[in-house]
Amino acid sequence: MKEISRSEVKSGDIVIAKMMPAGRAIIVPDIEKKYVLSSDAVKFIPDTRIFKPYMLHLINSPVFKKQVQSDLQGSTRPRTSITKLKNILCPLPPLAEQKRIVTKIEEIDIYLKN
C-alpha cells in the first residue's frame, strides 16, 4: 500500500508533532519494528547537507517553537500543518558549523546537569 509506506517511519527519521506540543521533534532511535505515522505527526528526512542532531535542536528550539505557536489553528485541539511547518525559516550553516553547534549544546547540557 503506497499510503502506508509513505507514512512508514525508519530509524534516523525526524518526526515532528503537528498537535500539542506542536513542533516538538524526535529522531527515531534504532528500532527493529516498523512504525506508521498518525495524521498528528510528520516525518522529515534531511539530505546529507543537514546534520540530524543540529536539525533536532533547531526544531526543538524556542525560536522554532515560537514560529509554530504563532500560527496554530483550532481552538479545542490546537495544531499546525505540514504546509506551515515547511514554511518556517531555518538557519542552515555549513555542515562543519552545524556539528560545532551541536557539540557546544551538548557541552552546555552536561554542565547544566552537574
PDB file of N, CA and C in Angstrom:
ATOM      1  N   MET A   1       0.835  -1.178   0.000  1.00  0.00           N
ATOM      2  CA  MET A   1       0.000   0.000   0.000  1.00  0.00           C
ATOM      3  C   MET A   1       0.884   1.246   0.000  1.00  0.00           C
ATOM      4  N   LYS A   2       0.690   2.078  -0.964  1.00  0.00           N
ATOM      5  CA  LYS A   2       1.501   3.275  -1.119  1.00  0.00           C
ATOM      6  C   LYS A   2       1.323   4.240   0.057  1.00  0.00           C
ATOM      7  N   GLU A   3       0.101   4.427   0.528  1.00  0.00           N
ATOM      8  CA  GLU A   3      -0.170   5.345   1.638  1.00  0.00           C
ATOM      9  C   GLU A   3       0.577   4.933   2.899  1.00  0.00           C
ATOM     10  N   ILE A   4       0.569   3.648   3.217  1.00  0.00           N
ATOM     11  CA  ILE A   4       1.231   3.182   4.429  1.00  0.00           C
ATOM     12  C   ILE A   4       2.742   3.309   4.306  1.00  0.00           C
ATOM     13  N   SER A   5       3.306   2.932   3.184  1.00  0.00           N
ATOM     14  CA  SER A   5       4.753   3.025   3.044  1.00  0.00           C
ATOM     15  C   SER A   5       5.211   4.483   3.074  1.00  0.00           C
ATOM     16  N   ARG A   6       4.391   5.393   2.597  1.00  0.00           N
ATOM     17  CA  ARG A   6       4.717   6.817   2.652  1.00  0.00           C
ATOM     18  C   ARG A   6       4.762   7.319   4.094  1.00  0.00           C
ATOM     19  N   SER A   7       3.972   6.716   4.970  1.00  0.00           N
ATOM     20  CA  SER A   7       3.900   7.113   6.372  1.00  0.00           C
ATOM     21  C   SER A   7       4.787   6.265   7.279  1.00  0.00           C
ATOM     22  N   GLU A   8       5.533   5.340   6.698  1.00  0.00           N
ATOM     23  CA  GLU A   8       6.403   4.472   7.496  1.00  0.00           C
ATOM     24  C   GLU A   8       7.578   5.270   8.042  1.00  0.00           C
ATOM     25  N   VAL A   9       7.890   5.023   9.312  1.00  0.00           N
ATOM     26  CA  VAL A   9       8.991   5.715   9.968  1.00  0.00           C
ATOM     27  C   VAL A   9      10.128   4.737  10.179  1.00  0.00           C
ATOM     28  N   LYS A  10      11.326   5.176   9.823  1.00  0.00           N
ATOM     29  CA  LYS A  10      12.505   4.325   9.969  1.00  0.00           C
ATOM     30  C   LYS A  10      13.487   4.951  10.947  1.00  0.00           C
ATOM     31  N   SER A  11      14.395   4.148  11.426  1.00  0.00           N
ATOM     32  CA  SER A  11      15.445   4.611  12.321  1.00  0.00           C
ATOM     33  C   SER A  11      16.185   5.783  11.687  1.00  0.00           C
ATOM     34  N   GLY A  12      16.373   6.860  12.457  1.00  0.00           N
ATOM     35  CA  GLY A  12      17.080   8.032  11.961  1.00  0.00           C
ATOM     36  C   GLY A  12      16.181   9.105  11.377  1.00  0.00           C
ATOM     37  N   ASP A  13      14.910   8.778  11.088  1.00  0.00           N
ATOM     38  CA  ASP A  13      13.976   9.794  10.600  1.00  0.00           C
ATOM     39  C   ASP A  13      13.685  10.788  11.728  1.00  0.00           C
ATOM     40  N   ILE A  14      13.410  12.013  11.377  1.00  0.00           N
ATOM     41  CA  ILE A  14      12.965  13.010  12.347  1.00  0.00           C
ATOM     42  C   ILE A  14      11.447  13.064  12.267  1.00  0.00           C
ATOM     43  N   VAL A  15      10.788  12.958  13.419  1.00  0.00           N
ATOM     44  CA  VAL A  15       9.324  13.007  13.481  1.00  0.00           C
ATOM     45  C   VAL A  15       8.932  14.280  14.234  1.00  0.00           C
ATOM     46  N   ILE A  16       8.031  15.052  13.630  1.00  0.00           N
ATOM     47  CA  ILE A  16       7.596  16.323  14.199  1.00  0.00           C
ATOM     48  C   ILE A  16       6.096  16.245  14.495  1.00  0.00           C
ATOM     49  N   ALA A  17       5.729  16.634  15.720  1.00  0.00           N
ATOM     50  CA  ALA A  17       4.316  16.634  16.119  1.00  0.00           C
ATOM     51  C   ALA A  17       3.587  17.808  15.483  1.00  0.00           C
ATOM     52  N   LYS A  18       2.385  17.542  14.958  1.00  0.00           N
ATOM     53  CA  LYS A  18       1.541  18.613  14.439  1.00  0.00           C
ATOM     54  C   LYS A  18       0.549  19.085  15.497  1.00  0.00           C
ATOM     55  N   MET A  19       0.267  18.231  16.489  1.00  0.00           N
ATOM     56  CA  MET A  19      -0.648  18.584  17.579  1.00  0.00           C
ATOM     57  C   MET A  19       0.190  18.893  18.803  1.00  0.00           C
ATOM     58  N   MET A  20      -0.443  19.455  19.807  1.00  0.00           N
ATOM     59  CA  MET A  20       0.284  19.861  21.012  1.00  0.00           C
ATOM     60  C   MET A  20       1.026  18.677  21.616  1.00  0.00           C
ATOM     61  N   PRO A  21       2.298  18.784  21.879  1.00  0.00           N
ATOM     62  CA  PRO A  21       3.077  20.007  21.720  1.00  0.00           C
ATOM     63  C   PRO A  21       3.527  20.185  20.268  1.00  0.00           C
ATOM     64  N   ALA A  22       2.792  20.968  19.526  1.00  0.00           N
ATOM     65  CA  ALA A  22       3.068  21.177  18.105  1.00  0.00           C
ATOM     66  C   ALA A  22       4.484  21.688  17.907  1.00  0.00           C
ATOM     67  N   GLY A  23       5.173  21.076  16.963  1.00  0.00           N
ATOM     68  CA  GLY A  23       6.531  21.472  16.653  1.00  0.00           C
ATOM     69  C   GLY A  23       7.592  20.699  17.401  1.00  0.00           C
ATOM     70  N   ARG A  24       7.224  19.876  18.345  1.00  0.00           N
ATOM     71  CA  ARG A  24       8.197  19.074  19.100  1.00  0.00           C
ATOM     72  C   ARG A  24       8.683  17.945  18.201  1.00  0.00           C
ATOM     73  N   ALA A  25       9.983  17.644  18.268  1.00  0.00           N
ATOM     74  CA  ALA A  25      10.544  16.641  17.366  1.00  0.00           C
ATOM     75  C   ALA A  25      11.421  15.637  18.103  1.00  0.00           C
ATOM     76  N   ILE A  26      11.557  14.462  17.484  1.00  0.00           N
ATOM     77  CA  ILE A  26      12.465  13.414  17.960  1.00  0.00           C
ATOM     78  C   ILE A  26      13.173  12.807  16.752  1.00  0.00           C
ATOM     79  N   ILE A  27      14.306  12.180  17.012  1.00  0.00           N
ATOM     80  CA  ILE A  27      14.935  11.332  15.998  1.00  0.00           C
ATOM     81  C   ILE A  27      14.567   9.909  16.372  1.00  0.00           C
ATOM     82  N   VAL A  28      14.002   9.167  15.448  1.00  0.00           N
ATOM     83  CA  VAL A  28      13.587   7.796  15.718  1.00  0.00           C
ATOM     84  C   VAL A  28      14.834   6.970  16.037  1.00  0.00           C
ATOM     85  N   PRO A  29      14.834   6.297  17.197  1.00  0.00           N
ATOM     86  CA  PRO A  29      16.008   5.509  17.580  1.00  0.00           C
ATOM     87  C   PRO A  29      16.165   4.248  16.731  1.00  0.00           C
ATOM     88  N   ASP A  30      17.281   3.587  16.904  1.00  0.00           N
ATOM     89  CA  ASP A  30      17.481   2.309  16.212  1.00  0.00           C
ATOM     90  C   ASP A  30      16.454   1.318  16.724  1.00  0.00           C
ATOM     91  N   ILE A  31      15.574   0.926  15.855  1.00  0.00           N
ATOM     92  CA  ILE A  31      14.488   0.021  16.222  1.00  0.00           C
ATOM     93  C   ILE A  31      14.375  -1.063  15.174  1.00  0.00           C
ATOM     94  N   GLU A  32      13.884  -2.200  15.600  1.00  0.00           N
ATOM     95  CA  GLU A  32      13.663  -3.283  14.644  1.00  0.00           C
ATOM     96  C   GLU A  32      12.246  -3.253  14.103  1.00  0.00           C
ATOM     97  N   LYS A  33      11.333  -2.706  14.896  1.00  0.00           N
ATOM     98  CA  LYS A  33       9.938  -2.645  14.469  1.00  0.00           C
ATOM     99  C   LYS A  33       9.759  -1.523  13.457  1.00  0.00           C
ATOM    100  N   LYS A  34       8.711  -1.649  12.661  1.00  0.00           N
ATOM    101  CA  LYS A  34       8.328  -0.579  11.755  1.00  0.00           C
ATOM    102  C   LYS A  34       7.142   0.150  12.369  1.00  0.00           C
ATOM    103  N   TYR A  35       7.150   1.455  12.227  1.00  0.00           N
ATOM    104  CA  TYR A  35       6.061   2.267  12.739  1.00  0.00           C
ATOM    105  C   TYR A  35       5.443   3.060  11.598  1.00  0.00           C
ATOM    106  N   VAL A  36       4.154   3.342  11.739  1.00  0.00           N
ATOM    107  CA  VAL A  36       3.428   4.148  10.765  1.00  0.00           C
ATOM    108  C   VAL A  36       2.949   5.400  11.490  1.00  0.00           C
ATOM    109  N   LEU A  37       3.204   6.555  10.895  1.00  0.00           N
ATOM    110  CA  LEU A  37       2.799   7.820  11.499  1.00  0.00           C
ATOM    111  C   LEU A  37       1.290   7.987  11.488  1.00  0.00           C
ATOM    112  N   SER A  38       0.803   8.643  12.533  1.00  0.00           N
ATOM    113  CA  SER A  38      -0.603   9.047  12.522  1.00  0.00           C
ATOM    114  C   SER A  38      -0.691  10.376  11.784  1.00  0.00           C
ATOM    115  N   SER A  39      -1.887  10.875  11.619  1.00  0.00           N
ATOM    116  CA  SER A  39      -2.059  12.158  10.936  1.00  0.00           C
ATOM    117  C   SER A  39      -1.612  13.326  11.814  1.00  0.00           C
ATOM    118  N   ASP A  40      -1.261  13.058  13.074  1.00  0.00           N
ATOM    119  CA  ASP A  40      -0.852  14.108  14.010  1.00  0.00           C
ATOM    120  C   ASP A  40       0.658  14.343  14.011  1.00  0.00           C
ATOM    121  N   ALA A  41       1.378  13.718  13.091  1.00  0.00           N
ATOM    122  CA  ALA A  41       2.831  13.887  13.025  1.00  0.00           C
ATOM    123  C   ALA A  41       3.290  13.809  11.573  1.00  0.00           C
ATOM    124  N   VAL A  42       4.468  14.366  11.337  1.00  0.00           N
ATOM    125  CA  VAL A  42       5.073  14.291  10.008  1.00  0.00           C
ATOM    126  C   VAL A  42       6.511  13.826  10.162  1.00  0.00           C
ATOM    127  N   LYS A  43       7.024  13.200   9.129  1.00  0.00           N
ATOM    128  CA  LYS A  43       8.432  12.819   9.179  1.00  0.00           C
ATOM    129  C   LYS A  43       9.221  13.739   8.267  1.00  0.00           C
ATOM    130  N   PHE A  44      10.461  13.942   8.683  1.00  0.00           N
ATOM    131  CA  PHE A  44      11.366  14.794   7.927  1.00  0.00           C
ATOM    132  C   PHE A  44      12.658  14.014   7.745  1.00  0.00           C
ATOM    133  N   ILE A  45      13.047  13.828   6.504  1.00  0.00           N
ATOM    134  CA  ILE A  45      14.282  13.110   6.202  1.00  0.00           C
ATOM    135  C   ILE A  45      15.230  14.119   5.547  1.00  0.00           C
ATOM    136  N   PRO A  46      16.138  14.697   6.342  1.00  0.00           N
ATOM    137  CA  PRO A  46      17.021  15.716   5.779  1.00  0.00           C
ATOM    138  C   PRO A  46      18.041  15.126   4.809  1.00  0.00           C
ATOM    139  N   ASP A  47      18.481  15.960   3.868  1.00  0.00           N
ATOM    140  CA  ASP A  47      19.512  15.485   2.945  1.00  0.00           C
ATOM    141  C   ASP A  47      20.875  15.515   3.638  1.00  0.00           C
ATOM    142  N   THR A  48      21.897  15.149   2.928  1.00  0.00           N
ATOM    143  CA  THR A  48      23.223  14.966   3.523  1.00  0.00           C
ATOM    144  C   THR A  48      23.890  16.271   3.955  1.00  0.00           C
ATOM    145  N   ARG A  49      23.359  17.421   3.566  1.00  0.00           N
ATOM    146  CA  ARG A  49      23.922  18.701   3.997  1.00  0.00           C
ATOM    147  C   ARG A  49      23.430  19.117   5.371  1.00  0.00           C
ATOM    148  N   ILE A  50      22.543  18.302   5.948  1.00  0.00           N
ATOM    149  CA  ILE A  50      21.974  18.632   7.256  1.00  0.00           C
ATOM    150  C   ILE A  50      22.366  17.557   8.267  1.00  0.00           C
ATOM    151  N   PHE A  51      22.977  17.985   9.360  1.00  0.00           N
ATOM    152  CA  PHE A  51      23.347  17.108  10.468  1.00  0.00           C
ATOM    153  C   PHE A  51      22.089  16.923  11.321  1.00  0.00           C
ATOM    154  N   LYS A  52      21.588  15.698  11.400  1.00  0.00           N
ATOM    155  CA  LYS A  52      20.302  15.442  12.057  1.00  0.00           C
ATOM    156  C   LYS A  52      20.231  15.983  13.481  1.00  0.00           C
ATOM    157  N   PRO A  53      21.272  15.786  14.318  1.00  0.00           N
ATOM    158  CA  PRO A  53      21.180  16.364  15.666  1.00  0.00           C
ATOM    159  C   PRO A  53      21.045  17.892  15.660  1.00  0.00           C
ATOM    160  N   TYR A  54      21.672  18.557  14.691  1.00  0.00           N
ATOM    161  CA  TYR A  54      21.521  20.012  14.575  1.00  0.00           C
ATOM    162  C   TYR A  54      20.064  20.347  14.276  1.00  0.00           C
ATOM    163  N   MET A  55      19.474  19.648  13.315  1.00  0.00           N
ATOM    164  CA  MET A  55      18.092  19.914  12.943  1.00  0.00           C
ATOM    165  C   MET A  55      17.151  19.645  14.115  1.00  0.00           C
ATOM    166  N   LEU A  56      17.434  18.594  14.879  1.00  0.00           N
ATOM    167  CA  LEU A  56      16.602  18.289  16.040  1.00  0.00           C
ATOM    168  C   LEU A  56      16.653  19.434  17.050  1.00  0.00           C
ATOM    169  N   HIS A  57      17.864  19.924  17.354  1.00  0.00           N
ATOM    170  CA  HIS A  57      17.991  21.047  18.288  1.00  0.00           C
ATOM    171  C   HIS A  57      17.290  22.291  17.736  1.00  0.00           C
ATOM    172  N   LEU A  58      17.412  22.516  16.455  1.00  0.00           N
ATOM    173  CA  LEU A  58      16.781  23.676  15.835  1.00  0.00           C
ATOM    174  C   LEU A  58      15.261  23.591  15.939  1.00  0.00           C
ATOM    175  N   ILE A  59      14.712  22.439  15.592  1.00  0.00           N
ATOM    176  CA  ILE A  59      13.249  22.272  15.642  1.00  0.00           C
ATOM    177  C   ILE A  59      12.731  22.411  17.074  1.00  0.00           C
ATOM    178  N   ASN A  60      13.490  21.919  18.046  1.00  0.00           N
ATOM    179  CA  ASN A  60      13.052  21.988  19.440  1.00  0.00           C
ATOM    180  C   ASN A  60      13.443  23.300  20.125  1.00  0.00           C
ATOM    181  N   SER A  61      14.005  24.226  19.374  1.00  0.00           N
ATOM    182  CA  SER A  61      14.446  25.498  19.953  1.00  0.00           C
ATOM    183  C   SER A  61      13.260  26.430  20.195  1.00  0.00           C
ATOM    184  N   PRO A  62      13.419  27.359  21.129  1.00  0.00           N
ATOM    185  CA  PRO A  62      12.354  28.338  21.376  1.00  0.00           C
ATOM    186  C   PRO A  62      12.006  29.170  20.137  1.00  0.00           C
ATOM    187  N   VAL A  63      12.981  29.483  19.303  1.00  0.00           N
ATOM    188  CA  VAL A  63      12.730  30.287  18.105  1.00  0.00           C
ATOM    189  C   VAL A  63      11.799  29.547  17.141  1.00  0.00           C
ATOM    190  N   PHE A  64      12.073  28.265  16.910  1.00  0.00           N
ATOM    191  CA  PHE A  64      11.227  27.465  16.021  1.00  0.00           C
ATOM    192  C   PHE A  64       9.840  27.316  16.633  1.00  0.00           C
ATOM    193  N   LYS A  65       9.796  26.970  17.928  1.00  0.00           N
ATOM    194  CA  LYS A  65       8.506  26.771  18.596  1.00  0.00           C
ATOM    195  C   LYS A  65       7.652  28.026  18.561  1.00  0.00           C
ATOM    196  N   LYS A  66       8.296  29.190  18.716  1.00  0.00           N
ATOM    197  CA  LYS A  66       7.546  30.454  18.677  1.00  0.00           C
ATOM    198  C   LYS A  66       6.890  30.637  17.318  1.00  0.00           C
ATOM    199  N   GLN A  67       7.603  30.276  16.245  1.00  0.00           N
ATOM    200  CA  GLN A  67       7.025  30.380  14.904  1.00  0.00           C
ATOM    201  C   GLN A  67       5.842  29.424  14.749  1.00  0.00           C
ATOM    202  N   VAL A  68       5.977  28.210  15.283  1.00  0.00           N
ATOM    203  CA  VAL A  68       4.880  27.234  15.209  1.00  0.00           C
ATOM    204  C   VAL A  68       3.684  27.735  16.017  1.00  0.00           C
ATOM    205  N   GLN A  69       3.946  28.164  17.264  1.00  0.00           N
ATOM    206  CA  GLN A  69       2.865  28.588  18.161  1.00  0.00           C
ATOM    207  C   GLN A  69       2.110  29.811  17.637  1.00  0.00           C
ATOM    208  N   SER A  70       2.799  30.664  16.882  1.00  0.00           N
ATOM    209  CA  SER A  70       2.158  31.889  16.407  1.00  0.00           C
ATOM    210  C   SER A  70       1.131  31.632  15.313  1.00  0.00           C
ATOM    211  N   ASP A  71       1.107  30.431  14.774  1.00  0.00           N
ATOM    212  CA  ASP A  71       0.226  30.171  13.634  1.00  0.00           C
ATOM    213  C   ASP A  71      -0.551  28.861  13.789  1.00  0.00           C
ATOM    214  N   LEU A  72      -0.943  28.543  15.026  1.00  0.00           N
ATOM    215  CA  LEU A  72      -1.726  27.323  15.256  1.00  0.00           C
ATOM    216  C   LEU A  72      -3.169  27.544  14.815  1.00  0.00           C
ATOM    217  N   GLN A  73      -3.830  26.451  14.477  1.00  0.00           N
ATOM    218  CA  GLN A  73      -5.243  26.517  14.114  1.00  0.00           C
ATOM    219  C   GLN A  73      -6.021  25.568  15.009  1.00  0.00           C
ATOM    220  N   GLY A  74      -7.277  25.848  15.203  1.00  0.00           N
ATOM    221  CA  GLY A  74      -8.134  25.008  16.047  1.00  0.00           C
ATOM    222  C   GLY A  74      -8.178  25.542  17.461  1.00  0.00           C
ATOM    223  N   SER A  75      -9.340  25.471  18.096  1.00  0.00           N
ATOM    224  CA  SER A  75      -9.473  26.007  19.449  1.00  0.00           C
ATOM    225  C   SER A  75      -9.439  24.925  20.520  1.00  0.00           C
ATOM    226  N   THR A  76     -10.036  23.771  20.255  1.00  0.00           N
ATOM    227  CA  THR A  76     -10.038  22.715  21.273  1.00  0.00           C
ATOM    228  C   THR A  76      -8.824  21.795  21.160  1.00  0.00           C
ATOM    229  N   ARG A  77      -8.303  21.633  19.946  1.00  0.00           N
ATOM    230  CA  ARG A  77      -7.125  20.801  19.725  1.00  0.00           C
ATOM    231  C   ARG A  77      -6.167  21.566  18.803  1.00  0.00           C
ATOM    232  N   PRO A  78      -5.448  22.553  19.369  1.00  0.00           N
ATOM    233  CA  PRO A  78      -4.557  23.362  18.533  1.00  0.00           C
ATOM    234  C   PRO A  78      -3.534  22.495  17.802  1.00  0.00           C
ATOM    235  N   ARG A  79      -3.308  22.832  16.533  1.00  0.00           N
ATOM    236  CA  ARG A  79      -2.382  22.048  15.726  1.00  0.00           C
ATOM    237  C   ARG A  79      -1.813  22.917  14.613  1.00  0.00           C
ATOM    238  N   THR A  80      -0.776  22.386  13.992  1.00  0.00           N
ATOM    239  CA  THR A  80      -0.189  23.039  12.835  1.00  0.00           C
ATOM    240  C   THR A  80      -0.359  22.110  11.639  1.00  0.00           C
ATOM    241  N   SER A  81       0.132  22.517  10.513  1.00  0.00           N
ATOM    242  CA  SER A  81       0.020  21.685   9.313  1.00  0.00           C
ATOM    243  C   SER A  81       1.398  21.488   8.702  1.00  0.00           C
ATOM    244  N   ILE A  82       1.502  20.514   7.839  1.00  0.00           N
ATOM    245  CA  ILE A  82       2.770  20.266   7.163  1.00  0.00           C
ATOM    246  C   ILE A  82       3.151  21.473   6.295  1.00  0.00           C
ATOM    247  N   THR A  83       2.182  22.122   5.700  1.00  0.00           N
ATOM    248  CA  THR A  83       2.457  23.306   4.877  1.00  0.00           C
ATOM    249  C   THR A  83       3.072  24.413   5.728  1.00  0.00           C
ATOM    250  N   LYS A  84       2.518  24.643   6.908  1.00  0.00           N
ATOM    251  CA  LYS A  84       3.055  25.680   7.790  1.00  0.00           C
ATOM    252  C   LYS A  84       4.450  25.308   8.280  1.00  0.00           C
ATOM    253  N   LEU A  85       4.668  24.042   8.602  1.00  0.00           N
ATOM    254  CA  LEU A  85       5.996  23.608   9.035  1.00  0.00           C
ATOM    255  C   LEU A  85       7.025  23.813   7.926  1.00  0.00           C
ATOM    256  N   LYS A  86       6.638  23.531   6.691  1.00  0.00           N
ATOM    257  CA  LYS A  86       7.553  23.696   5.561  1.00  0.00           C
ATOM    258  C   LYS A  86       7.944  25.152   5.338  1.00  0.00           C
ATOM    259  N   ASN A  87       7.098  26.077   5.761  1.00  0.00           N
ATOM    260  CA  ASN A  87       7.349  27.497   5.519  1.00  0.00           C
ATOM    261  C   ASN A  87       8.111  28.195   6.643  1.00  0.00           C
ATOM    262  N   ILE A  88       8.481  27.477   7.692  1.00  0.00           N
ATOM    263  CA  ILE A  88       9.252  28.084   8.773  1.00  0.00           C
ATOM    264  C   ILE A  88      10.699  28.240   8.317  1.00  0.00           C
ATOM    265  N   LEU A  89      11.229  29.411   8.535  1.00  0.00           N
ATOM    266  CA  LEU A  89      12.608  29.696   8.145  1.00  0.00           C
ATOM    267  C   LEU A  89      13.570  29.084   9.152  1.00  0.00           C
ATOM    268  N   CYS A  90      14.583  28.406   8.639  1.00  0.00           N
ATOM    269  CA  CYS A  90      15.573  27.750   9.491  1.00  0.00           C
ATOM    270  C   CYS A  90      16.977  28.104   9.015  1.00  0.00           C
ATOM    271  N   PRO A  91      17.816  28.619   9.916  1.00  0.00           N
ATOM    272  CA  PRO A  91      19.197  28.897   9.509  1.00  0.00           C
ATOM    273  C   PRO A  91      19.939  27.590   9.238  1.00  0.00           C
ATOM    274  N   LEU A  92      20.684  27.550   8.158  1.00  0.00           N
ATOM    275  CA  LEU A  92      21.418  26.339   7.808  1.00  0.00           C
ATOM    276  C   LEU A  92      22.884  26.685   7.517  1.00  0.00           C
ATOM    277  N   PRO A  93      23.703  26.682   8.569  1.00  0.00           N
ATOM    278  CA  PRO A  93      25.132  26.932   8.354  1.00  0.00           C
ATOM    279  C   PRO A  93      25.782  25.728   7.680  1.00  0.00           C
ATOM    280  N   PRO A  94      27.033  25.860   7.259  1.00  0.00           N
ATOM    281  CA  PRO A  94      27.744  24.715   6.678  1.00  0.00           C
ATOM    282  C   PRO A  94      27.768  23.537   7.656  1.00  0.00           C
ATOM    283  N   LEU A  95      27.903  22.342   7.110  1.00  0.00           N
ATOM    284  CA  LEU A  95      27.850  21.119   7.912  1.00  0.00           C
ATOM    285  C   LEU A  95      28.820  21.146   9.091  1.00  0.00           C
ATOM    286  N   ALA A  96      30.039  21.583   8.874  1.00  0.00           N
ATOM    287  CA  ALA A  96      31.026  21.623   9.962  1.00  0.00           C
ATOM    288  C   ALA A  96      30.550  22.528  11.101  1.00  0.00           C
ATOM    289  N   GLU A  97      29.923  23.643  10.765  1.00  0.00           N
ATOM    290  CA  GLU A  97      29.411  24.561  11.782  1.00  0.00           C
ATOM    291  C   GLU A  97      28.216  23.947  12.511  1.00  0.00           C
ATOM    292  N   GLN A  98      27.375  23.215  11.797  1.00  0.00           N
ATOM    293  CA  GLN A  98      26.253  22.523  12.444  1.00  0.00           C
ATOM    294  C   GLN A  98      26.785  21.567  13.518  1.00  0.00           C
ATOM    295  N   LYS A  99      27.831  20.823  13.170  1.00  0.00           N
ATOM    296  CA  LYS A  99      28.414  19.869  14.120  1.00  0.00           C
ATOM    297  C   LYS A  99      29.037  20.594  15.309  1.00  0.00           C
ATOM    298  N   ARG A 100      29.693  21.732  15.065  1.00  0.00           N
ATOM    299  CA  ARG A 100      30.292  22.501  16.143  1.00  0.00           C
ATOM    300  C   ARG A 100      29.205  23.020  17.093  1.00  0.00           C
ATOM    301  N   ILE A 101      28.109  23.487  16.533  1.00  0.00           N
ATOM    302  CA  ILE A 101      26.995  23.985  17.345  1.00  0.00           C
ATOM    303  C   ILE A 101      26.428  22.878  18.229  1.00  0.00           C
ATOM    304  N   VAL A 102      26.233  21.693  17.661  1.00  0.00           N
ATOM    305  CA  VAL A 102      25.710  20.562  18.444  1.00  0.00           C
ATOM    306  C   VAL A 102      26.675  20.194  19.562  1.00  0.00           C
ATOM    307  N   THR A 103      27.971  20.178  19.282  1.00  0.00           N
ATOM    308  CA  THR A 103      28.973  19.873  20.314  1.00  0.00           C
ATOM    309  C   THR A 103      28.864  20.872  21.461  1.00  0.00           C
ATOM    310  N   LYS A 104      28.723  22.153  21.143  1.00  0.00           N
ATOM    311  CA  LYS A 104      28.595  23.189  22.178  1.00  0.00           C
ATOM    312  C   LYS A 104      27.314  22.994  22.987  1.00  0.00           C
ATOM    313  N   ILE A 105      26.210  22.709  22.320  1.00  0.00           N
ATOM    314  CA  ILE A 105      24.947  22.481  23.029  1.00  0.00           C
ATOM    315  C   ILE A 105      25.091  21.305  23.988  1.00  0.00           C
ATOM    316  N   GLU A 106      25.717  20.228  23.539  1.00  0.00           N
ATOM    317  CA  GLU A 106      25.905  19.047  24.393  1.00  0.00           C
ATOM    318  C   GLU A 106      26.806  19.370  25.582  1.00  0.00           C
ATOM    319  N   GLU A 107      27.845  20.184  25.369  1.00  0.00           N
ATOM    320  CA  GLU A 107      28.725  20.585  26.478  1.00  0.00           C
ATOM    321  C   GLU A 107      27.952  21.403  27.498  1.00  0.00           C
ATOM    322  N   ILE A 108      27.107  22.313  27.032  1.00  0.00           N
ATOM    323  CA  ILE A 108      26.298  23.130  27.935  1.00  0.00           C
ATOM    324  C   ILE A 108      25.303  22.271  28.692  1.00  0.00           C
ATOM    325  N   ASP A 109      24.677  21.305  28.001  1.00  0.00           N
ATOM    326  CA  ASP A 109      23.732  20.398  28.665  1.00  0.00           C
ATOM    327  C   ASP A 109      24.408  19.624  29.793  1.00  0.00           C
ATOM    328  N   ILE A 110      25.605  19.124  29.544  1.00  0.00           N
ATOM    329  CA  ILE A 110      26.347  18.381  30.582  1.00  0.00           C
ATOM    330  C   ILE A 110      26.648  19.297  31.749  1.00  0.00           C
ATOM    331  N   TYR A 111      27.089  20.507  31.470  1.00  0.00           N
ATOM    332  CA  TYR A 111      27.393  21.487  32.514  1.00  0.00           C
ATOM    333  C   TYR A 111      26.152  21.785  33.365  1.00  0.00           C
ATOM    334  N   LEU A 112      25.015  21.981  32.709  1.00  0.00           N
ATOM    335  CA  LEU A 112      23.786  22.298  33.436  1.00  0.00           C
ATOM    336  C   LEU A 112      23.264  21.150  34.277  1.00  0.00           C
ATOM    337  N   LYS A 113      23.552  19.920  33.857  1.00  0.00           N
ATOM    338  CA  LYS A 113      23.095  18.747  34.614  1.00  0.00           C
ATOM    339  C   LYS A 113      23.936  18.504  35.862  1.00  0.00           C
ATOM    340  N   ASN A 114      25.138  19.055  35.907  1.00  0.00           N
ATOM    341  CA  ASN A 114      26.040  18.850  37.062  1.00  0.00           C
ATOM    342  C   ASN A 114      25.882  19.910  38.092  1.00  0.00           C
TER     343      ASN A 114
END
